Every structure is written in C-alpha cells, then in structure tokens.
C-alpha cells in the first residue's frame, strides 16, 4: 500500500459517511443478482425512483461483461455505436447528473440476453419557499450537498474500485 493510500481510505470513508448522512441513493442494478443475463431489468427499474444526483451501480464479472451508456437507438438495437460512456471495472458507479432518460447496455453481446436497462431520472424537488422553510427544520442545503457529495463519491469510487486495490 502506498503512503497516500491511508489518506485515500480516510477520504473514501468520510465521503461515504457524508453520502449516507445526506440521504443519497445508490441504486445497485439487479440488487443482489447484479448485472447478468436473464434478469428483467425493466421490472427492476420500475421499482425504483431516480433523482438527479443519484448513483446507478453495476456489479458484474470484470472480464466477462461491461456497461455502455447509449442512446435509445443503441438500446433498442443492442449497439454501442455513438455510446456516450463505457465502464469495465466490474464495480461501476455512475452519477445520474441530469433529469432525462438514461439507457445502459452490455456491449459484448449480453444486451441480446437481457442485459439492458433504461431509467428515468427526475429533477430534484424544488426547495421550500422562505415562508415554508421557516416553519420546517429542513433546508435546501442538503440538496446541494447531496449532489456535490455524490459526484465526489462517484469519482473516488471509480478510482478506488477501478484501480485493482479491491
């Protein structure tokens, strides 16, 4: 372990604690079944609500599968042409940073065996008005903090899990 590894571990631990404290959501695709052929990912996605700043995580055999973010045509036809993202670590954390429909497929043939998922990401709820905010104990600060923390966690997690340390 390098001398900077303990600092990275502390940073990762702090990010995860802050991540949990502000109510961030990490949606693990397929739950305990992961990213594998023969799973109904449409049903899985329909049982989740996604918001801007949430993470979607893919867990799979590193050398066997992968994840591509594609457009609707790529999703419908199981093609990676024009893909906007590609992940191969086996533990991929992807920040859902825009309110839109996202399309993900396995790019090495798994898509034809059901390894594709589409999720609709909703905008964050509007912060309460000043009059309402004074009568409630919650503020809009956690919404901003959540988005920032999720971005940091996504980057640190991708570096951490994609580096071969775990």
N, C-alpha and C. Protein backbone atom coordinates (compact mmCIF):
# COMPACT_ATOMS: atom_id res chain seq x y z
N UNK A 1 0.84 -1.17 0.00
CA UNK A 1 0.00 0.00 0.00
C UNK A 1 0.89 1.24 0.00
N UNK A 2 0.64 2.21 -0.86
CA UNK A 2 1.47 3.40 -0.92
C UNK A 2 1.17 4.32 0.26
N UNK A 3 2.05 5.32 0.46
CA UNK A 3 1.87 6.24 1.59
C UNK A 3 0.63 7.10 1.43
N UNK A 4 0.14 7.30 0.22
CA UNK A 4 -1.07 8.10 0.03
C UNK A 4 -2.33 7.26 0.20
N UNK A 5 -2.19 5.94 0.27
CA UNK A 5 -3.36 5.06 0.40
C UNK A 5 -4.13 5.32 1.69
N UNK A 6 -3.48 5.50 2.87
CA UNK A 6 -4.26 5.77 4.08
C UNK A 6 -5.09 7.05 3.97
N UNK A 7 -4.55 8.08 3.32
CA UNK A 7 -5.33 9.31 3.12
C UNK A 7 -6.52 9.04 2.22
N UNK A 8 -6.32 8.26 1.18
CA UNK A 8 -7.41 7.93 0.27
C UNK A 8 -8.49 7.13 0.99
N UNK A 9 -8.06 6.21 1.85
CA UNK A 9 -9.02 5.42 2.62
C UNK A 9 -9.85 6.34 3.52
N UNK A 10 -9.19 7.28 4.20
CA UNK A 10 -9.92 8.22 5.05
C UNK A 10 -10.86 9.10 4.23
N UNK A 11 -10.41 9.55 3.07
CA UNK A 11 -11.26 10.36 2.21
C UNK A 11 -12.48 9.56 1.77
N UNK A 12 -12.26 8.32 1.38
CA UNK A 12 -13.36 7.47 0.95
C UNK A 12 -14.34 7.22 2.09
N UNK A 13 -13.81 6.93 3.28
CA UNK A 13 -14.66 6.71 4.44
C UNK A 13 -15.47 7.96 4.76
N UNK A 14 -14.83 9.12 4.76
CA UNK A 14 -15.53 10.37 5.04
C UNK A 14 -16.60 10.64 3.99
N UNK A 15 -16.28 10.39 2.73
CA UNK A 15 -17.25 10.61 1.66
C UNK A 15 -18.45 9.70 1.83
N UNK A 16 -18.22 8.43 2.17
CA UNK A 16 -19.34 7.51 2.35
C UNK A 16 -20.19 7.89 3.56
N UNK A 17 -19.57 8.35 4.63
CA UNK A 17 -20.34 8.79 5.80
C UNK A 17 -21.19 10.00 5.44
N UNK A 18 -20.59 10.98 4.78
CA UNK A 18 -21.34 12.16 4.36
C UNK A 18 -22.41 11.77 3.36
N UNK A 19 -22.07 10.87 2.45
CA UNK A 19 -23.01 10.37 1.44
C UNK A 19 -24.25 9.80 2.11
N UNK A 20 -24.07 8.97 3.15
CA UNK A 20 -25.19 8.36 3.84
C UNK A 20 -25.96 9.39 4.66
N UNK A 21 -25.25 10.36 5.23
CA UNK A 21 -25.89 11.34 6.10
C UNK A 21 -26.85 12.26 5.36
N UNK A 22 -26.61 12.54 4.09
CA UNK A 22 -27.47 13.46 3.37
C UNK A 22 -28.54 12.75 2.56
N UNK A 23 -28.69 11.44 2.74
CA UNK A 23 -29.78 10.72 2.13
C UNK A 23 -29.60 10.39 0.66
N UNK A 24 -28.38 10.30 0.20
CA UNK A 24 -28.12 9.97 -1.20
C UNK A 24 -28.54 8.52 -1.46
N UNK A 25 -28.86 8.24 -2.73
CA UNK A 25 -29.28 6.89 -3.10
C UNK A 25 -28.35 6.31 -4.15
N UNK A 26 -27.86 5.12 -3.87
CA UNK A 26 -27.06 4.35 -4.81
C UNK A 26 -27.93 3.16 -5.23
N UNK A 27 -28.37 3.16 -6.48
CA UNK A 27 -29.23 2.09 -7.00
C UNK A 27 -28.34 1.01 -7.60
N UNK A 28 -28.29 -0.16 -6.98
CA UNK A 28 -27.47 -1.26 -7.48
C UNK A 28 -28.31 -2.07 -8.46
N UNK A 29 -27.93 -2.01 -9.72
CA UNK A 29 -28.69 -2.66 -10.78
C UNK A 29 -28.79 -4.16 -10.52
N UNK A 30 -30.02 -4.66 -10.52
CA UNK A 30 -30.25 -6.08 -10.28
C UNK A 30 -30.16 -6.49 -8.83
N UNK A 31 -29.95 -5.52 -7.93
CA UNK A 31 -29.80 -5.79 -6.49
C UNK A 31 -28.78 -6.92 -6.27
N UNK A 32 -29.15 -7.94 -5.51
CA UNK A 32 -28.19 -9.00 -5.19
C UNK A 32 -27.89 -9.92 -6.38
N UNK A 33 -28.62 -9.79 -7.48
CA UNK A 33 -28.36 -10.61 -8.67
C UNK A 33 -27.37 -9.94 -9.62
N UNK A 34 -27.15 -8.64 -9.44
CA UNK A 34 -26.16 -7.92 -10.23
C UNK A 34 -26.52 -7.75 -11.69
N UNK A 35 -25.50 -7.51 -12.49
CA UNK A 35 -25.59 -7.24 -13.93
C UNK A 35 -25.24 -8.54 -14.65
N UNK A 36 -26.27 -9.32 -14.97
CA UNK A 36 -26.10 -10.66 -15.55
C UNK A 36 -27.21 -10.94 -16.54
N UNK A 37 -27.02 -11.90 -17.44
CA UNK A 37 -28.07 -12.25 -18.40
C UNK A 37 -29.30 -12.84 -17.72
N UNK A 38 -30.43 -12.72 -18.40
CA UNK A 38 -31.65 -13.38 -17.95
C UNK A 38 -32.40 -12.71 -16.82
N UNK A 39 -32.09 -11.46 -16.52
CA UNK A 39 -32.78 -10.73 -15.44
C UNK A 39 -33.65 -9.65 -16.08
N UNK A 40 -34.85 -9.45 -15.52
CA UNK A 40 -35.77 -8.44 -16.04
C UNK A 40 -35.41 -7.09 -15.44
N UNK A 41 -34.54 -6.36 -16.12
CA UNK A 41 -34.10 -5.06 -15.61
C UNK A 41 -35.17 -3.98 -15.76
N UNK A 42 -36.12 -4.19 -16.66
CA UNK A 42 -37.24 -3.24 -16.77
C UNK A 42 -38.05 -3.28 -15.48
N UNK A 43 -38.33 -4.47 -15.00
CA UNK A 43 -39.06 -4.61 -13.74
C UNK A 43 -38.25 -4.01 -12.59
N UNK A 44 -36.95 -4.27 -12.57
CA UNK A 44 -36.10 -3.70 -11.52
C UNK A 44 -36.18 -2.17 -11.54
N UNK A 45 -36.02 -1.56 -12.73
CA UNK A 45 -36.03 -0.10 -12.85
C UNK A 45 -37.39 0.49 -12.47
N UNK A 46 -38.47 -0.20 -12.80
CA UNK A 46 -39.81 0.29 -12.48
C UNK A 46 -40.08 0.31 -10.99
N UNK A 47 -39.28 -0.41 -10.21
CA UNK A 47 -39.44 -0.43 -8.76
C UNK A 47 -38.53 0.57 -8.04
N UNK A 48 -37.91 1.47 -8.80
CA UNK A 48 -37.02 2.47 -8.24
C UNK A 48 -37.41 3.85 -8.75
N UNK A 49 -37.15 4.86 -7.93
CA UNK A 49 -37.32 6.25 -8.35
C UNK A 49 -35.94 6.88 -8.33
N UNK A 50 -35.55 7.45 -9.45
CA UNK A 50 -34.22 8.02 -9.63
C UNK A 50 -34.33 9.54 -9.66
N UNK A 51 -33.40 10.22 -8.96
CA UNK A 51 -33.34 11.68 -8.95
C UNK A 51 -31.96 12.14 -9.38
N UNK A 52 -31.91 13.36 -9.89
CA UNK A 52 -30.63 13.96 -10.25
C UNK A 52 -29.70 13.89 -9.04
N UNK A 53 -28.49 13.44 -9.28
CA UNK A 53 -27.51 13.29 -8.21
C UNK A 53 -27.43 11.88 -7.65
N UNK A 54 -28.39 11.02 -7.97
CA UNK A 54 -28.31 9.63 -7.54
C UNK A 54 -27.22 8.91 -8.32
N UNK A 55 -26.81 7.77 -7.81
CA UNK A 55 -25.86 6.91 -8.50
C UNK A 55 -26.57 5.65 -8.96
N UNK A 56 -26.12 5.12 -10.08
CA UNK A 56 -26.55 3.79 -10.51
C UNK A 56 -25.28 2.96 -10.57
N UNK A 57 -25.32 1.78 -9.93
CA UNK A 57 -24.13 0.95 -9.81
C UNK A 57 -24.34 -0.38 -10.52
N UNK A 58 -23.31 -0.80 -11.22
CA UNK A 58 -23.33 -2.07 -11.93
C UNK A 58 -22.27 -2.97 -11.32
N UNK A 59 -22.65 -4.19 -10.93
CA UNK A 59 -21.73 -5.17 -10.35
C UNK A 59 -21.75 -6.41 -11.25
N UNK A 60 -20.58 -6.82 -11.72
CA UNK A 60 -20.52 -7.92 -12.68
C UNK A 60 -19.11 -8.49 -12.75
N UNK A 61 -18.97 -9.62 -13.47
CA UNK A 61 -17.67 -10.22 -13.72
C UNK A 61 -16.87 -9.30 -14.64
N UNK A 62 -15.76 -8.79 -14.15
CA UNK A 62 -14.97 -7.77 -14.84
C UNK A 62 -14.58 -8.15 -16.27
N UNK A 63 -14.09 -9.32 -16.49
CA UNK A 63 -13.60 -9.71 -17.82
C UNK A 63 -14.71 -10.27 -18.71
N UNK A 64 -15.91 -10.46 -18.15
CA UNK A 64 -16.98 -11.09 -18.91
C UNK A 64 -17.98 -10.08 -19.47
N UNK A 65 -18.27 -9.02 -18.71
CA UNK A 65 -19.30 -8.05 -19.12
C UNK A 65 -18.74 -6.64 -19.06
N UNK A 66 -19.58 -5.67 -19.43
CA UNK A 66 -19.23 -4.26 -19.36
C UNK A 66 -20.52 -3.46 -19.35
N UNK A 67 -20.41 -2.15 -19.34
CA UNK A 67 -21.57 -1.26 -19.35
C UNK A 67 -21.29 -0.14 -20.34
N UNK A 68 -22.24 0.12 -21.20
CA UNK A 68 -22.18 1.26 -22.11
C UNK A 68 -23.42 2.11 -21.90
N UNK A 69 -23.24 3.43 -21.85
CA UNK A 69 -24.39 4.33 -21.91
C UNK A 69 -24.59 4.66 -23.38
N UNK A 70 -25.80 4.42 -23.87
CA UNK A 70 -26.12 4.62 -25.28
C UNK A 70 -27.38 5.46 -25.42
N UNK A 71 -27.73 5.78 -26.66
CA UNK A 71 -28.99 6.47 -26.91
C UNK A 71 -30.10 5.42 -27.09
N UNK A 72 -31.33 5.89 -27.35
CA UNK A 72 -32.44 4.96 -27.46
C UNK A 72 -32.26 3.97 -28.61
N UNK A 73 -31.69 4.42 -29.72
CA UNK A 73 -31.46 3.53 -30.86
C UNK A 73 -30.48 2.42 -30.48
N UNK A 74 -29.40 2.78 -29.80
CA UNK A 74 -28.44 1.78 -29.35
C UNK A 74 -29.07 0.80 -28.38
N UNK A 75 -29.93 1.30 -27.52
CA UNK A 75 -30.64 0.47 -26.55
C UNK A 75 -31.58 -0.51 -27.26
N UNK A 76 -32.38 0.04 -28.19
CA UNK A 76 -33.35 -0.79 -28.91
C UNK A 76 -32.68 -1.86 -29.77
N UNK A 77 -31.52 -1.52 -30.36
CA UNK A 77 -30.84 -2.42 -31.29
C UNK A 77 -29.63 -3.13 -30.70
N UNK A 78 -29.35 -2.90 -29.42
CA UNK A 78 -28.18 -3.51 -28.75
C UNK A 78 -26.89 -3.19 -29.50
N UNK A 79 -26.70 -1.92 -29.82
CA UNK A 79 -25.46 -1.49 -30.47
C UNK A 79 -24.80 -0.39 -29.63
N UNK A 80 -23.48 -0.33 -29.69
CA UNK A 80 -22.73 0.66 -28.92
C UNK A 80 -22.30 1.85 -29.77
N UNK A 81 -22.68 1.86 -31.04
CA UNK A 81 -22.30 2.97 -31.91
C UNK A 81 -22.82 4.29 -31.32
N UNK A 82 -21.92 5.25 -31.18
CA UNK A 82 -22.30 6.55 -30.62
C UNK A 82 -22.46 6.53 -29.11
N UNK A 83 -21.92 5.53 -28.44
CA UNK A 83 -22.03 5.45 -26.98
C UNK A 83 -21.42 6.69 -26.34
N UNK A 84 -22.01 7.13 -25.22
CA UNK A 84 -21.52 8.31 -24.52
C UNK A 84 -20.75 7.95 -23.26
N UNK A 85 -20.69 6.66 -22.92
CA UNK A 85 -19.94 6.22 -21.76
C UNK A 85 -19.66 4.74 -21.85
N UNK A 86 -18.54 4.31 -21.23
CA UNK A 86 -18.14 2.90 -21.26
C UNK A 86 -17.42 2.60 -19.95
N UNK A 87 -17.88 1.56 -19.23
CA UNK A 87 -17.30 1.18 -17.96
C UNK A 87 -16.95 -0.31 -17.98
N UNK A 88 -15.85 -0.67 -17.33
CA UNK A 88 -15.39 -2.06 -17.39
C UNK A 88 -14.80 -2.56 -16.08
N UNK A 89 -14.98 -1.86 -14.98
CA UNK A 89 -14.30 -2.23 -13.73
C UNK A 89 -14.93 -3.41 -13.01
N UNK A 90 -16.21 -3.70 -13.28
CA UNK A 90 -16.92 -4.74 -12.55
C UNK A 90 -17.65 -4.19 -11.33
N UNK A 91 -17.29 -2.98 -10.92
CA UNK A 91 -17.96 -2.26 -9.83
C UNK A 91 -18.05 -0.80 -10.26
N UNK A 92 -19.00 -0.51 -11.14
CA UNK A 92 -19.09 0.82 -11.75
C UNK A 92 -20.14 1.66 -11.06
N UNK A 93 -19.75 2.87 -10.66
CA UNK A 93 -20.64 3.83 -10.02
C UNK A 93 -20.81 4.99 -11.01
N UNK A 94 -22.04 5.20 -11.47
CA UNK A 94 -22.30 6.21 -12.49
C UNK A 94 -23.23 7.26 -11.91
N UNK A 95 -22.78 8.51 -11.95
CA UNK A 95 -23.58 9.62 -11.45
C UNK A 95 -24.65 9.97 -12.46
N UNK A 96 -25.89 10.02 -12.00
CA UNK A 96 -27.02 10.45 -12.84
C UNK A 96 -27.19 11.95 -12.62
N UNK A 97 -26.52 12.73 -13.45
CA UNK A 97 -26.41 14.17 -13.18
C UNK A 97 -27.39 15.04 -13.94
N UNK A 98 -28.28 14.45 -14.73
CA UNK A 98 -29.27 15.23 -15.48
C UNK A 98 -30.64 14.55 -15.39
N UNK A 99 -31.69 15.38 -15.41
CA UNK A 99 -33.05 14.84 -15.47
C UNK A 99 -33.32 14.44 -16.92
N UNK A 100 -33.34 13.15 -17.17
CA UNK A 100 -33.56 12.62 -18.52
C UNK A 100 -33.71 11.11 -18.43
N UNK A 101 -33.94 10.47 -19.56
CA UNK A 101 -33.93 9.01 -19.62
C UNK A 101 -32.52 8.56 -20.00
N UNK A 102 -31.98 7.65 -19.21
CA UNK A 102 -30.66 7.06 -19.48
C UNK A 102 -30.86 5.65 -20.01
N UNK A 103 -29.98 5.24 -20.91
CA UNK A 103 -30.01 3.90 -21.48
C UNK A 103 -28.64 3.24 -21.27
N UNK A 104 -28.64 2.05 -20.68
CA UNK A 104 -27.41 1.31 -20.46
C UNK A 104 -27.55 -0.10 -21.04
N UNK A 105 -26.48 -0.58 -21.67
CA UNK A 105 -26.46 -1.94 -22.21
C UNK A 105 -25.11 -2.60 -21.92
N UNK A 106 -25.10 -3.91 -22.00
CA UNK A 106 -23.84 -4.65 -22.01
C UNK A 106 -23.41 -4.69 -23.47
N UNK A 107 -22.19 -4.24 -23.72
CA UNK A 107 -21.73 -4.07 -25.10
C UNK A 107 -21.07 -5.26 -25.74
N UNK A 108 -20.95 -6.38 -25.04
CA UNK A 108 -20.26 -7.51 -25.65
C UNK A 108 -21.20 -8.70 -25.87
N UNK A 109 -22.44 -8.41 -26.23
CA UNK A 109 -23.41 -9.46 -26.54
C UNK A 109 -24.43 -9.72 -25.46
N UNK A 110 -24.16 -9.33 -24.23
CA UNK A 110 -25.10 -9.55 -23.14
C UNK A 110 -26.43 -8.84 -23.33
N UNK A 111 -26.42 -7.75 -24.07
CA UNK A 111 -27.65 -7.00 -24.32
C UNK A 111 -28.71 -7.90 -24.95
N UNK A 112 -28.29 -8.77 -25.85
CA UNK A 112 -29.24 -9.67 -26.53
C UNK A 112 -29.83 -10.70 -25.57
N UNK A 113 -29.21 -10.86 -24.40
CA UNK A 113 -29.71 -11.77 -23.37
C UNK A 113 -30.33 -11.02 -22.20
N UNK A 114 -30.77 -9.78 -22.46
CA UNK A 114 -31.49 -9.01 -21.45
C UNK A 114 -30.67 -8.05 -20.64
N UNK A 115 -29.37 -7.95 -20.90
CA UNK A 115 -28.53 -7.05 -20.12
C UNK A 115 -28.62 -5.62 -20.66
N UNK A 116 -29.77 -5.01 -20.41
CA UNK A 116 -30.00 -3.61 -20.77
C UNK A 116 -31.02 -3.04 -19.80
N UNK A 117 -30.81 -1.79 -19.45
CA UNK A 117 -31.72 -1.13 -18.51
C UNK A 117 -31.85 0.34 -18.91
N UNK A 118 -33.07 0.82 -18.79
CA UNK A 118 -33.36 2.22 -19.05
C UNK A 118 -34.00 2.80 -17.80
N UNK A 119 -33.51 3.96 -17.37
CA UNK A 119 -34.05 4.60 -16.17
C UNK A 119 -34.39 6.05 -16.46
N UNK A 120 -35.48 6.51 -15.86
CA UNK A 120 -35.89 7.91 -15.96
C UNK A 120 -35.43 8.61 -14.69
N UNK A 121 -34.64 9.67 -14.88
CA UNK A 121 -34.14 10.44 -13.75
C UNK A 121 -34.96 11.72 -13.64
N UNK A 122 -35.53 11.94 -12.47
CA UNK A 122 -36.39 13.09 -12.20
C UNK A 122 -35.57 14.24 -11.62
N UNK A 123 -36.02 15.47 -11.87
CA UNK A 123 -35.33 16.61 -11.23
C UNK A 123 -35.52 16.56 -9.72
N UNK A 124 -34.60 17.18 -9.01
CA UNK A 124 -34.74 17.29 -7.56
C UNK A 124 -35.96 18.13 -7.25
N UNK A 125 -36.66 17.82 -6.17
CA UNK A 125 -37.79 18.66 -5.78
C UNK A 125 -37.31 20.08 -5.50
N UNK A 126 -38.15 21.05 -5.79
CA UNK A 126 -37.80 22.44 -5.52
C UNK A 126 -37.65 22.66 -4.02
N UNK A 127 -36.68 23.51 -3.64
CA UNK A 127 -36.55 23.82 -2.21
C UNK A 127 -37.80 24.55 -1.74
N UNK A 128 -38.14 24.42 -0.49
CA UNK A 128 -39.34 25.09 0.01
C UNK A 128 -39.18 26.61 -0.04
N UNK A 129 -40.31 27.31 -0.14
CA UNK A 129 -40.28 28.77 -0.15
C UNK A 129 -39.80 29.26 1.21
N UNK A 130 -39.44 30.54 1.30
CA UNK A 130 -38.93 31.10 2.56
C UNK A 130 -39.95 30.96 3.68
N UNK A 131 -41.24 31.18 3.38
CA UNK A 131 -42.28 31.07 4.41
C UNK A 131 -42.39 29.63 4.91
N UNK A 132 -42.33 28.68 4.01
CA UNK A 132 -42.43 27.28 4.40
C UNK A 132 -41.15 26.85 5.12
N UNK A 133 -40.00 27.34 4.67
CA UNK A 133 -38.72 26.94 5.26
C UNK A 133 -38.64 27.35 6.72
N UNK A 134 -39.23 28.46 7.09
CA UNK A 134 -39.14 28.91 8.48
C UNK A 134 -40.01 28.06 9.40
N UNK A 135 -41.00 27.34 8.85
CA UNK A 135 -41.85 26.52 9.69
C UNK A 135 -41.37 25.08 9.77
N UNK A 136 -40.37 24.72 8.94
CA UNK A 136 -39.84 23.35 8.93
C UNK A 136 -38.38 23.38 9.36
N UNK A 137 -37.88 22.26 9.80
CA UNK A 137 -36.49 22.21 10.24
C UNK A 137 -35.53 21.89 9.11
N UNK A 138 -36.03 21.42 7.97
CA UNK A 138 -35.15 21.08 6.85
C UNK A 138 -34.86 22.34 6.03
N UNK A 139 -33.69 22.35 5.38
CA UNK A 139 -33.34 23.45 4.50
C UNK A 139 -32.96 22.88 3.13
N UNK A 140 -32.70 23.76 2.19
CA UNK A 140 -32.30 23.33 0.84
C UNK A 140 -30.83 22.94 0.79
N UNK A 141 -30.05 23.24 1.82
CA UNK A 141 -28.61 22.94 1.81
C UNK A 141 -28.31 21.47 1.57
N UNK A 142 -29.08 20.52 2.17
CA UNK A 142 -28.76 19.11 1.90
C UNK A 142 -28.90 18.73 0.42
N UNK A 143 -29.79 19.41 -0.30
CA UNK A 143 -29.97 19.09 -1.72
C UNK A 143 -28.69 19.41 -2.49
N UNK A 144 -28.11 20.57 -2.23
CA UNK A 144 -26.86 20.95 -2.89
C UNK A 144 -25.73 20.04 -2.42
N UNK A 145 -25.66 19.81 -1.11
CA UNK A 145 -24.61 18.96 -0.56
C UNK A 145 -24.71 17.55 -1.13
N UNK A 146 -25.93 17.05 -1.29
CA UNK A 146 -26.12 15.70 -1.82
C UNK A 146 -25.52 15.58 -3.21
N UNK A 147 -25.79 16.54 -4.07
CA UNK A 147 -25.28 16.49 -5.44
C UNK A 147 -23.76 16.54 -5.46
N UNK A 148 -23.18 17.42 -4.67
CA UNK A 148 -21.72 17.54 -4.62
C UNK A 148 -21.10 16.27 -4.06
N UNK A 149 -21.64 15.76 -2.97
CA UNK A 149 -21.09 14.56 -2.34
C UNK A 149 -21.20 13.37 -3.28
N UNK A 150 -22.33 13.23 -3.96
CA UNK A 150 -22.49 12.11 -4.87
C UNK A 150 -21.47 12.17 -6.01
N UNK A 151 -21.19 13.36 -6.49
CA UNK A 151 -20.19 13.50 -7.55
C UNK A 151 -18.81 13.08 -7.02
N UNK A 152 -18.47 13.52 -5.82
CA UNK A 152 -17.18 13.16 -5.23
C UNK A 152 -17.11 11.65 -5.01
N UNK A 153 -18.16 11.07 -4.47
CA UNK A 153 -18.17 9.63 -4.21
C UNK A 153 -18.07 8.85 -5.52
N UNK A 154 -18.76 9.30 -6.55
CA UNK A 154 -18.69 8.60 -7.84
C UNK A 154 -17.27 8.60 -8.38
N UNK A 155 -16.60 9.74 -8.31
CA UNK A 155 -15.24 9.84 -8.83
C UNK A 155 -14.29 9.01 -7.98
N UNK A 156 -14.34 9.19 -6.66
CA UNK A 156 -13.44 8.46 -5.78
C UNK A 156 -13.69 6.96 -5.89
N UNK A 157 -14.96 6.55 -5.94
CA UNK A 157 -15.28 5.13 -6.05
C UNK A 157 -14.78 4.54 -7.35
N UNK A 158 -14.93 5.28 -8.44
CA UNK A 158 -14.45 4.78 -9.72
C UNK A 158 -12.94 4.61 -9.69
N UNK A 159 -12.24 5.57 -9.09
CA UNK A 159 -10.78 5.47 -8.99
C UNK A 159 -10.42 4.29 -8.09
N UNK A 160 -11.08 4.22 -6.93
CA UNK A 160 -10.78 3.19 -5.94
C UNK A 160 -11.06 1.80 -6.50
N UNK A 161 -12.27 1.55 -6.96
CA UNK A 161 -12.65 0.22 -7.40
C UNK A 161 -12.08 -0.13 -8.75
N UNK A 162 -11.78 0.87 -9.57
CA UNK A 162 -11.24 0.60 -10.89
C UNK A 162 -9.73 0.40 -10.90
N UNK A 163 -9.09 0.61 -9.75
CA UNK A 163 -7.63 0.58 -9.72
C UNK A 163 -7.05 -0.80 -9.42
N UNK A 164 -7.89 -1.73 -9.05
CA UNK A 164 -7.39 -3.06 -8.72
C UNK A 164 -7.02 -3.21 -7.25
N UNK A 165 -7.29 -2.21 -6.40
CA UNK A 165 -6.97 -2.31 -4.98
C UNK A 165 -7.91 -3.27 -4.27
N UNK A 166 -9.11 -3.38 -4.79
CA UNK A 166 -10.10 -4.27 -4.15
C UNK A 166 -10.47 -5.34 -5.15
